[in-house]
Amino acid sequence: MTDPDIWVEGEVSNLRRPASGHCYFDLKDEKALLHAALFKMVASSLRFDLDNGLKVLLRGRVTVYEPRGEYQIAVSSIEPRGLGPLELAFQQTRERLKEEGLFDEASKSPLPFLPDCVGIVTSQTGAALQDVLRVLSDRFPPIKVLIAPVRVQGEGAAREIAEAIENLDQQGDVDVIIAGRGGGSIEDLWAFNEETVARAIFSSSTPVISAVGHEIDF
């Protein structure tokens, strides 16, 4: 008979990250403290950064660390309390890139008043592309358009979006790039929140317009 999993809530403290890739920390509240082991396979799948002071809800199995005769919980899943893991990951990534200066106004490229050529990074089959093409046709009938079709969600989508931005930037005759997709859940839109996309936009000498979810996005 296997030991049943338990759920425990508390604050992360004394976080250690050895070279093995495992994470060890204490989970505490005002009354008690429990040692926790987050092994590499689970740790590598986290969408947010584990840090001291973070309140979490975790699931795991109580075991005994025999060399010291101490009880600990072997963590099988963990999530932040108050924020979902994607929202927390988004905030942490945004703050880290902000500290690096990626969002400084001085780094932003001015938009051309009347572009001759517009590059579009989006799904070739999505409604968002047809919306953009229709507006461009209504406002600027003779304008040239280069479409870089990409997946806009799922595994590998962020890398495709970043590479498409880089490729259009290297074309030399593209005046502005539009990167986006239609609406959806935070999971659907997540590829556009990935750090690789933010860095591709920052590195582009061609100005990039975000058109994600038909709303103002970062």
C-alpha atoms as a PDB file:
ATOM      1  CA  MET A   1       0.000   0.000   0.000  1.00  0.00           C
ATOM      2  CA  THR A   2       1.455   3.369  -1.018  1.00  0.00           C
ATOM      3  CA  ASP A   3       1.483   6.329   1.342  1.00  0.00           C
ATOM      4  CA  PRO A   4      -1.362   8.762   0.589  1.00  0.00           C
ATOM      5  CA  ASP A   5      -0.556  12.241  -0.650  1.00  0.00           C
ATOM      6  CA  ILE A   6      -1.357  15.186   1.580  1.00  0.00           C
ATOM      7  CA  TRP A   7      -1.977  18.875   0.894  1.00  0.00           C
ATOM      8  CA  VAL A   8      -0.047  21.477   2.901  1.00  0.00           C
ATOM      9  CA  GLU A   9      -0.130  25.276   2.791  1.00  0.00           C
ATOM     10  CA  GLY A  10       2.562  27.582   4.104  1.00  0.00           C
ATOM     11  CA  GLU A  11       5.379  30.015   3.391  1.00  0.00           C
ATOM     12  CA  VAL A  12       8.608  29.041   1.663  1.00  0.00           C
ATOM     13  CA  SER A  13      11.775  29.713   3.652  1.00  0.00           C
ATOM     14  CA  ASN A  14      15.401  28.592   3.675  1.00  0.00           C
ATOM     15  CA  LEU A  15      15.258  27.741  -0.055  1.00  0.00           C
ATOM     16  CA  ARG A  16      18.297  25.873  -1.365  1.00  0.00           C
ATOM     17  CA  ARG A  17      19.105  25.015  -4.974  1.00  0.00           C
ATOM     18  CA  PRO A  18      22.069  22.597  -5.227  1.00  0.00           C
ATOM     19  CA  ALA A  19      23.711  21.787  -8.554  1.00  0.00           C
ATOM     20  CA  SER A  20      21.656  18.590  -8.794  1.00  0.00           C
ATOM     21  CA  GLY A  21      18.616  20.585  -9.930  1.00  0.00           C
ATOM     22  CA  HIS A  22      16.577  19.586  -6.898  1.00  0.00           C
ATOM     23  CA  CYS A  23      15.146  22.248  -4.564  1.00  0.00           C
ATOM     24  CA  TYR A  24      14.966  21.980  -0.801  1.00  0.00           C
ATOM     25  CA  PHE A  25      13.093  24.365   1.460  1.00  0.00           C
ATOM     26  CA  ASP A  26      11.123  24.687   4.659  1.00  0.00           C
ATOM     27  CA  LEU A  27       7.384  25.214   4.614  1.00  0.00           C
ATOM     28  CA  LYS A  28       6.271  27.159   7.659  1.00  0.00           C
ATOM     29  CA  ASP A  29       3.414  29.001   9.279  1.00  0.00           C
ATOM     30  CA  GLU A  30       3.142  30.676  12.662  1.00  0.00           C
ATOM     31  CA  LYS A  31       2.874  27.311  14.443  1.00  0.00           C
ATOM     32  CA  ALA A  32       4.981  24.740  12.635  1.00  0.00           C
ATOM     33  CA  LEU A  33       7.733  24.012  10.102  1.00  0.00           C
ATOM     34  CA  LEU A  34       8.039  21.129   7.632  1.00  0.00           C
ATOM     35  CA  HIS A  35      11.038  20.248   5.476  1.00  0.00           C
ATOM     36  CA  ALA A  36      10.212  19.862   1.780  1.00  0.00           C
ATOM     37  CA  ALA A  37      12.032  18.303  -1.169  1.00  0.00           C
ATOM     38  CA  LEU A  38      11.153  19.386  -4.703  1.00  0.00           C
ATOM     39  CA  PHE A  39      12.977  17.024  -7.005  1.00  0.00           C
ATOM     40  CA  LYS A  40      14.361  18.013 -10.387  1.00  0.00           C
ATOM     41  CA  MET A  41      11.614  16.534 -12.577  1.00  0.00           C
ATOM     42  CA  VAL A  42       8.894  18.494 -10.765  1.00  0.00           C
ATOM     43  CA  ALA A  43      11.035  21.618 -10.263  1.00  0.00           C
ATOM     44  CA  SER A  44      11.828  21.884 -13.975  1.00  0.00           C
ATOM     45  CA  SER A  45       8.130  21.942 -14.851  1.00  0.00           C
ATOM     46  CA  LEU A  46       7.261  24.969 -12.696  1.00  0.00           C
ATOM     47  CA  ARG A  47       5.987  28.011 -14.621  1.00  0.00           C
ATOM     48  CA  PHE A  48       6.910  30.421 -11.813  1.00  0.00           C
ATOM     49  CA  ASP A  49      10.015  31.115  -9.748  1.00  0.00           C
ATOM     50  CA  LEU A  50      10.001  29.585  -6.285  1.00  0.00           C
ATOM     51  CA  ASP A  51      11.349  32.074  -3.768  1.00  0.00           C
ATOM     52  CA  ASN A  52      11.609  32.695  -0.049  1.00  0.00           C
ATOM     53  CA  GLY A  53       8.510  34.333   1.385  1.00  0.00           C
ATOM     54  CA  LEU A  54       6.168  32.928  -1.272  1.00  0.00           C
ATOM     55  CA  LYS A  55       2.974  31.387   0.072  1.00  0.00           C
ATOM     56  CA  VAL A  56       2.242  28.083  -1.640  1.00  0.00           C
ATOM     57  CA  LEU A  57      -0.102  25.133  -1.592  1.00  0.00           C
ATOM     58  CA  LEU A  58       1.687  21.892  -2.257  1.00  0.00           C
ATOM     59  CA  ARG A  59       0.833  18.238  -2.588  1.00  0.00           C
ATOM     60  CA  GLY A  60       3.198  15.477  -1.661  1.00  0.00           C
ATOM     61  CA  ARG A  61       4.067  12.365   0.275  1.00  0.00           C
ATOM     62  CA  VAL A  62       5.560  12.349   3.761  1.00  0.00           C
ATOM     63  CA  THR A  63       8.859  10.488   3.856  1.00  0.00           C
ATOM     64  CA  VAL A  64      11.765  10.101   6.242  1.00  0.00           C
ATOM     65  CA  TYR A  65      15.207  11.487   5.383  1.00  0.00           C
ATOM     66  CA  GLU A  66      17.113   8.623   6.970  1.00  0.00           C
ATOM     67  CA  PRO A  67      20.586  10.215   7.376  1.00  0.00           C
ATOM     68  CA  ARG A  68      19.092  12.715   9.843  1.00  0.00           C
ATOM     69  CA  GLY A  69      15.960  10.852  10.862  1.00  0.00           C
ATOM     70  CA  GLU A  70      13.807  13.802   9.827  1.00  0.00           C
ATOM     71  CA  TYR A  71      10.358  13.834   8.315  1.00  0.00           C
ATOM     72  CA  GLN A  72       9.978  15.720   5.049  1.00  0.00           C
ATOM     73  CA  ILE A  73       7.436  16.035   2.273  1.00  0.00           C
ATOM     74  CA  ALA A  74       8.396  14.943  -1.233  1.00  0.00           C
ATOM     75  CA  VAL A  75       6.536  17.461  -3.395  1.00  0.00           C
ATOM     76  CA  SER A  76       4.579  16.223  -6.418  1.00  0.00           C
ATOM     77  CA  SER A  77       2.854  19.524  -7.279  1.00  0.00           C
ATOM     78  CA  ILE A  78       3.017  23.089  -6.040  1.00  0.00           C
ATOM     79  CA  GLU A  79       1.153  26.301  -6.814  1.00  0.00           C
ATOM     80  CA  PRO A  80       1.255  29.840  -5.427  1.00  0.00           C
ATOM     81  CA  ARG A  81      -1.587  31.014  -3.233  1.00  0.00           C
ATOM     82  CA  GLY A  82      -3.494  34.128  -4.337  1.00  0.00           C
ATOM     83  CA  LEU A  83      -2.092  34.092  -7.889  1.00  0.00           C
ATOM     84  CA  GLY A  84      -2.187  31.386 -10.494  1.00  0.00           C
ATOM     85  CA  PRO A  85       1.191  30.038 -11.637  1.00  0.00           C
ATOM     86  CA  LEU A  86       0.920  31.703 -15.069  1.00  0.00           C
ATOM     87  CA  GLU A  87      -0.023  35.088 -13.642  1.00  0.00           C
ATOM     88  CA  LEU A  88       2.817  34.892 -11.128  1.00  0.00           C
ATOM     89  CA  ALA A  89       5.264  33.821 -13.844  1.00  0.00           C
ATOM     90  CA  PHE A  90       4.093  36.755 -15.985  1.00  0.00           C
ATOM     91  CA  GLN A  91       4.620  39.263 -13.179  1.00  0.00           C
ATOM     92  CA  GLN A  92       8.037  37.854 -12.280  1.00  0.00           C
ATOM     93  CA  THR A  93       9.219  37.899 -15.888  1.00  0.00           C
ATOM     94  CA  ARG A  94       7.893  41.415 -16.456  1.00  0.00           C
ATOM     95  CA  GLU A  95       9.652  42.758 -13.352  1.00  0.00           C
ATOM     96  CA  ARG A  96      12.933  41.075 -14.292  1.00  0.00           C
ATOM     97  CA  LEU A  97      12.869  42.465 -17.843  1.00  0.00           C
ATOM     98  CA  LYS A  98      11.812  45.874 -16.552  1.00  0.00           C
ATOM     99  CA  GLU A  99      14.878  45.962 -14.305  1.00  0.00           C
ATOM    100  CA  GLU A 100      17.011  45.183 -17.376  1.00  0.00           C
ATOM    101  CA  GLY A 101      15.508  48.193 -19.160  1.00  0.00           C
ATOM    102  CA  LEU A 102      13.539  46.357 -21.844  1.00  0.00           C
ATOM    103  CA  PHE A 103      10.477  48.558 -21.275  1.00  0.00           C
ATOM    104  CA  ASP A 104      12.257  51.925 -21.077  1.00  0.00           C
ATOM    105  CA  GLU A 105      10.573  54.586 -23.186  1.00  0.00           C
ATOM    106  CA  ALA A 106      13.947  55.665 -24.537  1.00  0.00           C
ATOM    107  CA  SER A 107      14.417  52.225 -26.126  1.00  0.00           C
ATOM    108  CA  LYS A 108      11.128  52.271 -28.045  1.00  0.00           C
ATOM    109  CA  SER A 109      11.244  52.918 -31.806  1.00  0.00           C
ATOM    110  CA  PRO A 110       8.912  55.557 -33.263  1.00  0.00           C
ATOM    111  CA  LEU A 111       6.158  54.275 -35.535  1.00  0.00           C
ATOM    112  CA  PRO A 112       6.258  55.372 -39.190  1.00  0.00           C
ATOM    113  CA  PHE A 113       3.510  57.812 -40.143  1.00  0.00           C
ATOM    114  CA  LEU A 114       2.801  56.177 -43.519  1.00  0.00           C
ATOM    115  CA  PRO A 115       4.499  52.757 -43.805  1.00  0.00           C
ATOM    116  CA  ASP A 116       5.197  51.335 -47.244  1.00  0.00           C
ATOM    117  CA  CYS A 117       5.526  47.753 -46.021  1.00  0.00           C
ATOM    118  CA  VAL A 118       3.939  46.053 -42.989  1.00  0.00           C
ATOM    119  CA  GLY A 119       5.056  42.684 -41.648  1.00  0.00           C
ATOM    120  CA  ILE A 120       2.483  40.556 -39.822  1.00  0.00           C
ATOM    121  CA  VAL A 121       3.367  37.769 -37.388  1.00  0.00           C
ATOM    122  CA  THR A 122       0.279  35.674 -36.622  1.00  0.00           C
ATOM    123  CA  SER A 123      -1.586  32.506 -37.541  1.00  0.00           C
ATOM    124  CA  GLN A 124      -2.281  32.210 -41.261  1.00  0.00           C
ATOM    125  CA  THR A 125      -5.715  30.726 -40.535  1.00  0.00           C
ATOM    126  CA  GLY A 126      -6.794  32.986 -37.670  1.00  0.00           C
ATOM    127  CA  ALA A 127      -9.488  35.664 -37.781  1.00  0.00           C
ATOM    128  CA  ALA A 128      -6.979  38.229 -36.478  1.00  0.00           C
ATOM    129  CA  LEU A 129      -5.074  38.155 -39.786  1.00  0.00           C
ATOM    130  CA  GLN A 130      -8.232  38.876 -41.774  1.00  0.00           C
ATOM    131  CA  ASP A 131      -9.077  41.760 -39.422  1.00  0.00           C
ATOM    132  CA  VAL A 132      -5.663  43.340 -39.937  1.00  0.00           C
ATOM    133  CA  LEU A 133      -5.694  42.848 -43.704  1.00  0.00           C
ATOM    134  CA  ARG A 134      -9.161  44.381 -43.961  1.00  0.00           C
ATOM    135  CA  VAL A 135      -8.172  47.490 -42.000  1.00  0.00           C
ATOM    136  CA  LEU A 136      -4.964  47.913 -43.988  1.00  0.00           C
ATOM    137  CA  SER A 137      -6.882  47.592 -47.252  1.00  0.00           C
ATOM    138  CA  ASP A 138      -9.452  50.190 -46.156  1.00  0.00           C
ATOM    139  CA  ARG A 139      -6.904  52.727 -44.965  1.00  0.00           C
ATOM    140  CA  PHE A 140      -3.868  52.126 -47.169  1.00  0.00           C
ATOM    141  CA  PRO A 141      -4.960  50.336 -50.386  1.00  0.00           C
ATOM    142  CA  PRO A 142      -1.507  50.291 -52.071  1.00  0.00           C
ATOM    143  CA  ILE A 143       0.400  49.087 -49.009  1.00  0.00           C
ATOM    144  CA  LYS A 144       2.724  46.067 -49.232  1.00  0.00           C
ATOM    145  CA  VAL A 145       2.166  43.280 -46.682  1.00  0.00           C
ATOM    146  CA  LEU A 146       4.522  40.453 -45.720  1.00  0.00           C
ATOM    147  CA  ILE A 147       2.930  37.658 -43.685  1.00  0.00           C
ATOM    148  CA  ALA A 148       5.046  35.443 -41.436  1.00  0.00           C
ATOM    149  CA  PRO A 149       2.708  32.566 -40.473  1.00  0.00           C
ATOM    150  CA  VAL A 150       3.328  31.072 -37.032  1.00  0.00           C
ATOM    151  CA  ARG A 151       1.591  29.003 -34.404  1.00  0.00           C
ATOM    152  CA  VAL A 152       0.153  31.373 -31.813  1.00  0.00           C
ATOM    153  CA  GLN A 153      -0.298  28.910 -28.957  1.00  0.00           C
ATOM    154  CA  GLY A 154       1.080  25.647 -27.715  1.00  0.00           C
ATOM    155  CA  GLU A 155       4.537  24.173 -27.366  1.00  0.00           C
ATOM    156  CA  GLY A 156       7.129  25.929 -29.525  1.00  0.00           C
ATOM    157  CA  ALA A 157       4.857  28.822 -30.518  1.00  0.00           C
ATOM    158  CA  ALA A 158       6.894  31.451 -28.675  1.00  0.00           C
ATOM    159  CA  ARG A 159      10.077  30.432 -30.499  1.00  0.00           C
ATOM    160  CA  GLU A 160       8.281  30.622 -33.866  1.00  0.00           C
ATOM    161  CA  ILE A 161       6.952  34.107 -33.046  1.00  0.00           C
ATOM    162  CA  ALA A 162      10.388  35.335 -31.980  1.00  0.00           C
ATOM    163  CA  GLU A 163      12.081  33.911 -35.095  1.00  0.00           C
ATOM    164  CA  ALA A 164       9.432  35.452 -37.360  1.00  0.00           C
ATOM    165  CA  ILE A 165      10.026  38.872 -35.803  1.00  0.00           C
ATOM    166  CA  GLU A 166      13.776  38.447 -36.293  1.00  0.00           C
ATOM    167  CA  ASN A 167      13.339  37.358 -39.920  1.00  0.00           C
ATOM    168  CA  LEU A 168      11.049  40.269 -40.819  1.00  0.00           C
ATOM    169  CA  ASP A 169      13.438  42.692 -39.128  1.00  0.00           C
ATOM    170  CA  GLN A 170      16.271  41.365 -41.290  1.00  0.00           C
ATOM    171  CA  GLN A 171      14.268  41.870 -44.493  1.00  0.00           C
ATOM    172  CA  GLY A 172      15.344  45.506 -44.564  1.00  0.00           C
ATOM    173  CA  ASP A 173      12.249  46.852 -46.333  1.00  0.00           C
ATOM    174  CA  VAL A 174       9.682  46.253 -43.566  1.00  0.00           C
ATOM    175  CA  ASP A 175       8.688  49.536 -41.901  1.00  0.00           C
ATOM    176  CA  VAL A 176       6.659  48.127 -39.018  1.00  0.00           C
ATOM    177  CA  ILE A 177       5.819  44.668 -37.651  1.00  0.00           C
ATOM    178  CA  ILE A 178       2.472  43.650 -36.160  1.00  0.00           C
ATOM    179  CA  ALA A 179       2.595  40.617 -33.857  1.00  0.00           C
ATOM    180  CA  GLY A 180      -0.611  39.229 -32.442  1.00  0.00           C
ATOM    181  CA  ARG A 181      -3.625  36.978 -32.433  1.00  0.00           C
ATOM    182  CA  GLY A 182      -7.301  37.014 -31.439  1.00  0.00           C
ATOM    183  CA  GLY A 183      -8.630  36.677 -27.931  1.00  0.00           C
ATOM    184  CA  GLY A 184      -8.462  33.714 -25.590  1.00  0.00           C
ATOM    185  CA  SER A 185      -7.605  32.583 -22.090  1.00  0.00           C
ATOM    186  CA  ILE A 186      -4.298  33.401 -20.431  1.00  0.00           C
ATOM    187  CA  GLU A 187      -3.147  29.917 -21.436  1.00  0.00           C
ATOM    188  CA  ASP A 188      -4.099  30.591 -25.072  1.00  0.00           C
ATOM    189  CA  LEU A 189      -2.240  33.910 -25.120  1.00  0.00           C
ATOM    190  CA  TRP A 190       0.763  32.697 -23.161  1.00  0.00           C
ATOM    191  CA  ALA A 191       3.189  32.368 -26.082  1.00  0.00           C
ATOM    192  CA  PHE A 192       3.212  36.170 -26.380  1.00  0.00           C
ATOM    193  CA  ASN A 193       4.233  36.486 -22.718  1.00  0.00           C
ATOM    194  CA  GLU A 194       7.349  34.373 -23.139  1.00  0.00           C
ATOM    195  CA  GLU A 195      10.706  36.008 -22.499  1.00  0.00           C
ATOM    196  CA  THR A 196      12.064  34.939 -25.900  1.00  0.00           C
ATOM    197  CA  VAL A 197       9.362  37.027 -27.632  1.00  0.00           C
ATOM    198  CA  ALA A 198      10.036  40.063 -25.446  1.00  0.00           C
ATOM    199  CA  ARG A 199      13.744  39.901 -26.246  1.00  0.00           C
ATOM    200  CA  ALA A 200      13.092  39.524 -29.984  1.00  0.00           C
ATOM    201  CA  ILE A 201      10.923  42.652 -29.911  1.00  0.00           C
ATOM    202  CA  PHE A 202      13.536  44.568 -27.925  1.00  0.00           C
ATOM    203  CA  SER A 203      16.325  43.528 -30.312  1.00  0.00           C
ATOM    204  CA  SER A 204      14.351  44.431 -33.439  1.00  0.00           C
ATOM    205  CA  SER A 205      15.392  47.652 -35.164  1.00  0.00           C
ATOM    206  CA  THR A 206      11.974  47.632 -36.830  1.00  0.00           C
ATOM    207  CA  PRO A 207       9.209  48.888 -34.522  1.00  0.00           C
ATOM    208  CA  VAL A 208       6.845  46.154 -33.336  1.00  0.00           C
ATOM    209  CA  ILE A 209       3.169  46.640 -32.499  1.00  0.00           C
ATOM    210  CA  SER A 210       1.499  44.242 -30.065  1.00  0.00           C
ATOM    211  CA  ALA A 211      -1.975  43.193 -31.179  1.00  0.00           C
ATOM    212  CA  VAL A 212      -2.771  40.417 -28.722  1.00  0.00           C
ATOM    213  CA  GLY A 213      -6.328  39.569 -27.741  1.00  0.00           C
ATOM    214  CA  HIS A 214      -7.754  42.781 -29.159  1.00  0.00           C
ATOM    215  CA  GLU A 215      -6.735  44.538 -25.954  1.00  0.00           C
ATOM    216  CA  ILE A 216      -3.763  46.570 -24.772  1.00  0.00           C
ATOM    217  CA  ASP A 217      -1.052  44.112 -23.782  1.00  0.00           C
ATOM    218  CA  PHE A 218       2.515  44.410 -22.574  1.00  0.00           C
END
